Amino acid sequence: LDTKSFTFAGFLPKRGKHRIEELKRLSQVTGTLLFYEAPHRLQEVLQDMYEVFGNRSITVARELTKKFETFVRTDLESLVKDLEQLTYKGEFVLIVGGADTVESDTSEV
């Protein structure tokens, strides 16, 4: 994930329609995107992200700075297909690759 620039988006809207609109607005941001999310909405948010962003790199961080801190580094497609790999307790930070992450990496080669 790009560490040169990032956008902290905080919590996404609770309602699906408003959440999709916000994700569409953020879909063209080129830097890494950071979100907070509650465990009871995590599955819906990840599915919405995959629908809007497509297959991007993602790191799901749970319980940061606590005893049971965990990280899952994967891509949105793999994560949505296997949502059972996550533990749905605690606080989550989602770190998602920006719009041009894949394109810029290959264009520099």
N, C-alpha and C. Protein backbone atom coordinates (compact mmCIF):
# COMPACT_ATOMS: atom_id res chain seq x y z
N LEU A 1 0.84 -1.19 0.00
CA LEU A 1 0.00 0.00 0.00
C LEU A 1 0.88 1.25 0.00
N ASP A 2 0.43 2.25 -0.73
CA ASP A 2 1.16 3.50 -0.85
C ASP A 2 1.22 4.23 0.49
N THR A 3 2.42 4.62 0.89
CA THR A 3 2.57 5.35 2.14
C THR A 3 2.90 6.82 1.92
N LYS A 4 2.94 7.27 0.68
CA LYS A 4 3.25 8.67 0.39
C LYS A 4 2.10 9.61 0.76
N SER A 5 0.88 9.16 0.53
CA SER A 5 -0.27 9.99 0.88
C SER A 5 -1.43 9.11 1.31
N PHE A 6 -2.29 9.65 2.15
CA PHE A 6 -3.46 8.90 2.59
C PHE A 6 -4.60 9.86 2.88
N THR A 7 -5.80 9.30 2.88
CA THR A 7 -7.00 10.04 3.24
C THR A 7 -7.67 9.31 4.40
N PHE A 8 -7.84 10.00 5.52
CA PHE A 8 -8.55 9.42 6.65
C PHE A 8 -10.02 9.75 6.49
N ALA A 9 -10.83 8.74 6.24
CA ALA A 9 -12.25 8.95 5.99
C ALA A 9 -13.09 8.72 7.24
N GLY A 10 -12.52 8.21 8.31
CA GLY A 10 -13.27 7.97 9.54
C GLY A 10 -14.32 6.89 9.35
N PHE A 11 -15.46 7.06 10.01
CA PHE A 11 -16.57 6.12 9.88
C PHE A 11 -17.38 6.44 8.63
N LEU A 12 -17.73 5.42 7.87
CA LEU A 12 -18.63 5.60 6.72
C LEU A 12 -20.06 5.76 7.22
N PRO A 13 -20.95 6.35 6.41
CA PRO A 13 -22.35 6.45 6.80
C PRO A 13 -22.95 5.07 7.11
N LYS A 14 -23.89 5.04 8.04
CA LYS A 14 -24.51 3.78 8.45
C LYS A 14 -25.43 3.19 7.38
N ARG A 15 -26.15 4.03 6.68
CA ARG A 15 -27.12 3.54 5.70
C ARG A 15 -26.45 3.21 4.38
N GLY A 16 -26.91 2.13 3.76
CA GLY A 16 -26.32 1.62 2.54
C GLY A 16 -26.22 2.62 1.41
N LYS A 17 -27.32 3.34 1.14
CA LYS A 17 -27.34 4.29 0.02
C LYS A 17 -26.30 5.40 0.23
N HIS A 18 -26.26 5.97 1.42
CA HIS A 18 -25.32 7.04 1.72
C HIS A 18 -23.88 6.52 1.75
N ARG A 19 -23.73 5.29 2.24
CA ARG A 19 -22.40 4.68 2.28
C ARG A 19 -21.86 4.47 0.87
N ILE A 20 -22.71 3.96 -0.04
CA ILE A 20 -22.31 3.74 -1.44
C ILE A 20 -21.92 5.07 -2.08
N GLU A 21 -22.70 6.12 -1.83
CA GLU A 21 -22.39 7.45 -2.39
C GLU A 21 -21.02 7.94 -1.91
N GLU A 22 -20.74 7.75 -0.62
CA GLU A 22 -19.45 8.18 -0.08
C GLU A 22 -18.30 7.35 -0.66
N LEU A 23 -18.51 6.06 -0.81
CA LEU A 23 -17.48 5.21 -1.40
C LEU A 23 -17.22 5.60 -2.86
N LYS A 24 -18.28 5.92 -3.59
CA LYS A 24 -18.10 6.37 -4.98
C LYS A 24 -17.30 7.66 -5.02
N ARG A 25 -17.57 8.56 -4.09
CA ARG A 25 -16.83 9.82 -4.02
C ARG A 25 -15.35 9.55 -3.75
N LEU A 26 -15.07 8.58 -2.90
CA LEU A 26 -13.69 8.26 -2.53
C LEU A 26 -12.99 7.35 -3.54
N SER A 27 -13.74 6.79 -4.47
CA SER A 27 -13.17 5.79 -5.39
C SER A 27 -12.08 6.35 -6.30
N GLN A 28 -12.04 7.66 -6.52
CA GLN A 28 -11.02 8.26 -7.38
C GLN A 28 -9.82 8.80 -6.60
N VAL A 29 -9.85 8.70 -5.29
CA VAL A 29 -8.73 9.17 -4.47
C VAL A 29 -7.53 8.26 -4.73
N THR A 30 -6.38 8.87 -5.02
CA THR A 30 -5.22 8.08 -5.41
C THR A 30 -4.40 7.56 -4.23
N GLY A 31 -4.46 8.21 -3.10
CA GLY A 31 -3.71 7.75 -1.94
C GLY A 31 -4.45 6.65 -1.20
N THR A 32 -3.77 6.07 -0.24
CA THR A 32 -4.35 5.03 0.61
C THR A 32 -5.51 5.61 1.41
N LEU A 33 -6.56 4.82 1.58
CA LEU A 33 -7.77 5.23 2.31
C LEU A 33 -7.81 4.53 3.66
N LEU A 34 -8.13 5.27 4.71
CA LEU A 34 -8.25 4.71 6.05
C LEU A 34 -9.66 4.93 6.58
N PHE A 35 -10.23 3.87 7.15
CA PHE A 35 -11.59 3.92 7.68
C PHE A 35 -11.62 3.29 9.06
N TYR A 36 -12.52 3.77 9.91
CA TYR A 36 -12.91 3.08 11.13
C TYR A 36 -14.19 2.33 10.82
N GLU A 37 -14.39 1.18 11.45
CA GLU A 37 -15.67 0.49 11.26
C GLU A 37 -16.02 -0.34 12.48
N ALA A 38 -17.32 -0.42 12.73
CA ALA A 38 -17.86 -1.21 13.84
C ALA A 38 -18.00 -2.66 13.40
N PRO A 39 -17.86 -3.61 14.33
CA PRO A 39 -17.91 -5.02 13.95
C PRO A 39 -19.26 -5.45 13.36
N HIS A 40 -20.36 -4.87 13.82
CA HIS A 40 -21.67 -5.30 13.34
C HIS A 40 -21.97 -4.82 11.91
N ARG A 41 -21.18 -3.90 11.38
CA ARG A 41 -21.38 -3.43 9.99
C ARG A 41 -20.25 -3.87 9.06
N LEU A 42 -19.27 -4.55 9.57
CA LEU A 42 -18.05 -4.82 8.80
C LEU A 42 -18.32 -5.61 7.52
N GLN A 43 -19.11 -6.67 7.58
CA GLN A 43 -19.38 -7.47 6.38
C GLN A 43 -20.03 -6.63 5.28
N GLU A 44 -21.04 -5.85 5.63
CA GLU A 44 -21.72 -5.01 4.63
C GLU A 44 -20.77 -3.99 4.03
N VAL A 45 -19.95 -3.38 4.86
CA VAL A 45 -19.01 -2.36 4.38
C VAL A 45 -18.00 -2.98 3.42
N LEU A 46 -17.45 -4.13 3.76
CA LEU A 46 -16.47 -4.78 2.89
C LEU A 46 -17.10 -5.16 1.55
N GLN A 47 -18.33 -5.65 1.57
CA GLN A 47 -19.02 -5.99 0.32
C GLN A 47 -19.27 -4.74 -0.51
N ASP A 48 -19.67 -3.64 0.13
CA ASP A 48 -19.88 -2.38 -0.58
C ASP A 48 -18.56 -1.87 -1.17
N MET A 49 -17.48 -1.98 -0.41
CA MET A 49 -16.17 -1.55 -0.92
C MET A 49 -15.78 -2.33 -2.16
N TYR A 50 -15.99 -3.63 -2.13
CA TYR A 50 -15.64 -4.46 -3.29
C TYR A 50 -16.50 -4.08 -4.49
N GLU A 51 -17.78 -3.84 -4.25
CA GLU A 51 -18.70 -3.45 -5.33
C GLU A 51 -18.28 -2.12 -5.97
N VAL A 52 -17.87 -1.16 -5.16
CA VAL A 52 -17.53 0.18 -5.67
C VAL A 52 -16.07 0.27 -6.12
N PHE A 53 -15.14 -0.24 -5.32
CA PHE A 53 -13.72 -0.08 -5.61
C PHE A 53 -13.16 -1.16 -6.54
N GLY A 54 -13.83 -2.30 -6.59
CA GLY A 54 -13.24 -3.42 -7.31
C GLY A 54 -12.22 -4.11 -6.42
N ASN A 55 -11.31 -4.84 -7.03
CA ASN A 55 -10.34 -5.62 -6.26
C ASN A 55 -9.10 -4.79 -5.94
N ARG A 56 -9.05 -4.26 -4.74
CA ARG A 56 -7.91 -3.48 -4.27
C ARG A 56 -7.27 -4.17 -3.08
N SER A 57 -6.03 -3.81 -2.81
CA SER A 57 -5.36 -4.31 -1.61
C SER A 57 -6.04 -3.73 -0.38
N ILE A 58 -6.10 -4.56 0.67
CA ILE A 58 -6.70 -4.11 1.92
C ILE A 58 -5.98 -4.75 3.09
N THR A 59 -5.85 -3.99 4.16
CA THR A 59 -5.40 -4.52 5.43
C THR A 59 -6.51 -4.23 6.43
N VAL A 60 -6.95 -5.28 7.12
CA VAL A 60 -7.96 -5.14 8.16
C VAL A 60 -7.22 -5.27 9.49
N ALA A 61 -7.22 -4.21 10.28
CA ALA A 61 -6.55 -4.20 11.57
C ALA A 61 -7.62 -4.20 12.66
N ARG A 62 -7.43 -5.09 13.64
CA ARG A 62 -8.41 -5.22 14.71
C ARG A 62 -7.72 -5.02 16.06
N GLU A 63 -8.40 -4.30 16.93
CA GLU A 63 -7.92 -4.10 18.31
C GLU A 63 -6.50 -3.53 18.35
N LEU A 64 -6.27 -2.46 17.57
CA LEU A 64 -4.94 -1.84 17.55
C LEU A 64 -4.51 -1.40 18.94
N THR A 65 -3.25 -1.62 19.24
CA THR A 65 -2.59 -1.27 20.51
C THR A 65 -3.13 -2.05 21.70
N LYS A 66 -3.80 -3.15 21.46
CA LYS A 66 -4.34 -3.96 22.55
C LYS A 66 -3.74 -5.36 22.51
N LYS A 67 -4.02 -6.15 23.52
CA LYS A 67 -3.44 -7.48 23.66
C LYS A 67 -3.72 -8.39 22.47
N PHE A 68 -4.91 -8.34 21.90
CA PHE A 68 -5.29 -9.25 20.82
C PHE A 68 -5.27 -8.56 19.45
N GLU A 69 -4.35 -7.63 19.27
CA GLU A 69 -4.19 -6.92 17.99
C GLU A 69 -3.93 -7.93 16.86
N THR A 70 -4.69 -7.79 15.77
CA THR A 70 -4.51 -8.68 14.62
C THR A 70 -4.58 -7.89 13.33
N PHE A 71 -3.92 -8.45 12.29
CA PHE A 71 -3.92 -7.85 10.96
C PHE A 71 -4.21 -8.93 9.93
N VAL A 72 -5.04 -8.61 8.96
CA VAL A 72 -5.27 -9.48 7.80
C VAL A 72 -4.92 -8.65 6.58
N ARG A 73 -3.91 -9.09 5.83
CA ARG A 73 -3.50 -8.39 4.59
C ARG A 73 -3.89 -9.25 3.41
N THR A 74 -4.71 -8.71 2.54
CA THR A 74 -5.23 -9.48 1.41
C THR A 74 -5.75 -8.50 0.36
N ASP A 75 -6.68 -8.96 -0.47
CA ASP A 75 -7.36 -8.07 -1.40
C ASP A 75 -8.86 -8.18 -1.15
N LEU A 76 -9.60 -7.19 -1.62
CA LEU A 76 -11.04 -7.15 -1.34
C LEU A 76 -11.77 -8.38 -1.86
N GLU A 77 -11.42 -8.85 -3.05
CA GLU A 77 -12.10 -10.01 -3.62
C GLU A 77 -11.94 -11.23 -2.73
N SER A 78 -10.72 -11.54 -2.32
CA SER A 78 -10.46 -12.70 -1.46
C SER A 78 -11.16 -12.55 -0.12
N LEU A 79 -11.15 -11.35 0.42
CA LEU A 79 -11.77 -11.11 1.72
C LEU A 79 -13.28 -11.29 1.66
N VAL A 80 -13.91 -10.75 0.64
CA VAL A 80 -15.37 -10.87 0.50
C VAL A 80 -15.77 -12.32 0.28
N LYS A 81 -14.96 -13.09 -0.44
CA LYS A 81 -15.27 -14.50 -0.69
C LYS A 81 -15.12 -15.35 0.57
N ASP A 82 -14.30 -14.89 1.52
CA ASP A 82 -14.03 -15.68 2.72
C ASP A 82 -14.13 -14.79 3.96
N LEU A 83 -15.31 -14.22 4.18
CA LEU A 83 -15.51 -13.31 5.31
C LEU A 83 -15.38 -14.01 6.66
N GLU A 84 -15.43 -15.33 6.67
CA GLU A 84 -15.32 -16.08 7.93
C GLU A 84 -13.92 -16.00 8.52
N GLN A 85 -12.92 -15.57 7.72
CA GLN A 85 -11.56 -15.49 8.23
C GLN A 85 -11.38 -14.38 9.26
N LEU A 86 -12.37 -13.50 9.38
CA LEU A 86 -12.28 -12.39 10.33
C LEU A 86 -13.00 -12.71 11.63
N THR A 87 -12.48 -12.18 12.72
CA THR A 87 -13.15 -12.24 14.01
C THR A 87 -13.92 -10.94 14.16
N TYR A 88 -15.22 -11.03 14.38
CA TYR A 88 -16.08 -9.84 14.38
C TYR A 88 -16.30 -9.28 15.78
N LYS A 89 -15.23 -9.07 16.49
CA LYS A 89 -15.30 -8.44 17.80
C LYS A 89 -14.23 -7.36 17.85
N GLY A 90 -14.52 -6.29 18.55
CA GLY A 90 -13.52 -5.25 18.72
C GLY A 90 -13.67 -4.12 17.73
N GLU A 91 -12.66 -3.27 17.70
CA GLU A 91 -12.66 -2.09 16.84
C GLU A 91 -11.80 -2.38 15.62
N PHE A 92 -12.24 -1.88 14.45
CA PHE A 92 -11.55 -2.17 13.19
C PHE A 92 -11.05 -0.90 12.52
N VAL A 93 -9.88 -1.01 11.90
CA VAL A 93 -9.35 0.01 11.00
C VAL A 93 -9.14 -0.69 9.67
N LEU A 94 -9.71 -0.12 8.60
CA LEU A 94 -9.57 -0.67 7.25
C LEU A 94 -8.62 0.23 6.47
N ILE A 95 -7.60 -0.36 5.90
CA ILE A 95 -6.59 0.38 5.13
C ILE A 95 -6.68 -0.14 3.70
N VAL A 96 -7.16 0.70 2.79
CA VAL A 96 -7.48 0.28 1.42
C VAL A 96 -6.60 1.03 0.43
N GLY A 97 -6.08 0.29 -0.54
CA GLY A 97 -5.26 0.90 -1.59
C GLY A 97 -6.04 1.93 -2.38
N GLY A 98 -5.37 2.99 -2.79
CA GLY A 98 -6.01 4.07 -3.55
C GLY A 98 -6.28 3.68 -4.98
N ALA A 99 -6.93 4.58 -5.71
CA ALA A 99 -7.39 4.32 -7.07
C ALA A 99 -6.27 3.98 -8.03
N ASP A 100 -5.11 4.60 -7.88
CA ASP A 100 -4.06 4.37 -8.86
C ASP A 100 -2.95 3.47 -8.36
N THR A 101 -3.12 2.82 -7.23
CA THR A 101 -2.06 2.02 -6.65
C THR A 101 -1.54 0.98 -7.63
N VAL A 102 -2.43 0.19 -8.21
CA VAL A 102 -2.02 -0.86 -9.13
C VAL A 102 -1.47 -0.27 -10.41
N GLU A 103 -2.16 0.73 -10.97
CA GLU A 103 -1.74 1.32 -12.23
C GLU A 103 -0.38 1.98 -12.13
N SER A 104 -0.13 2.74 -11.06
CA SER A 104 1.15 3.44 -10.95
C SER A 104 2.30 2.48 -10.73
N ASP A 105 2.05 1.39 -10.00
CA ASP A 105 3.10 0.41 -9.78
C ASP A 105 3.54 -0.22 -11.09
N THR A 106 2.61 -0.55 -11.97
CA THR A 106 2.97 -1.20 -13.22
C THR A 106 3.50 -0.22 -14.25
N SER A 107 3.09 1.04 -14.20
CA SER A 107 3.56 2.01 -15.18
C SER A 107 5.01 2.43 -14.92
N GLU A 108 5.49 2.25 -13.70
CA GLU A 108 6.86 2.62 -13.39
C GLU A 108 7.85 1.54 -13.80
N VAL A 109 7.37 0.37 -14.14
CA VAL A 109 8.24 -0.75 -14.50
C VAL A 109 8.80 -0.57 -15.88
